[in-house]
């Protein structure tokens, strides 16, 4: 059977995350339901990562093995979009190698977190964290530098994370302005459960209190979740890009 890869965008507002959960609406579930209508049989879909409830995606990658030969790989894009709800869009569909897996073949993942200082437009409120102060980007980027490289991120994982190791390799992390918003972009080989939202929330706590940036390093190196700050709300977070052409790190 042909291995078909999809690039998927979704609005996570009304989803209980990516992964199928009994009795809940999920992105994976919607795509599998749509494929069942096309194939007339159940088709399992694998994703590059599990986004939480309320988290959005611009570049999620998924794949499935097509049980039919009659549909060209590129035609799954219009076929799926004609069935899927409007808060899930297929951006690309293509045939890939049989051994390709969206999760295990990935070399890095990039997320973006969006902030708005002041009052956003009504249609933007579900896609950014509204801040009631103006953070100093220089101070935030000094904190971001402490994330680079291979580190133990136990401080920033949520209780119940089942990862065998809490070490992750962060390739880059920085804040920058984008129009009327502030964006935090981070790229790593992988992430722990709620790691990015915990990092972002802790940084904003430190910045609001005007503590020295080194306080973030102290919290990171403590490897103790109790020292971290708040967990940022999910609606500001977007899975931005999955890469497959970098260095594979475990």
Foldseek 3Di string as FASTA:
>chain_A
DFKKKWWKWFQLAQFQKADDDPPTHHVQVQQQVLVCVVQVHGWHKAWQDIAGRLATADTIMMITDDPDDPAAQFNVQVSSVVRGPPRMHTPGMHTDDPPDGNHQLFQKWKKKFKEAEDDDPPVCPLAHHYDPDDFDQVQLFVLQVLQAAWAQQLLQADPPWPDPGSIWHKHGWGWDDDVRIIMIMTMTRDHHHLRVQQLVQQSVVCRVVVHHSVLSVVSRVVSHNVSTGDRHDNSRMYRYHTHRPDDHDD
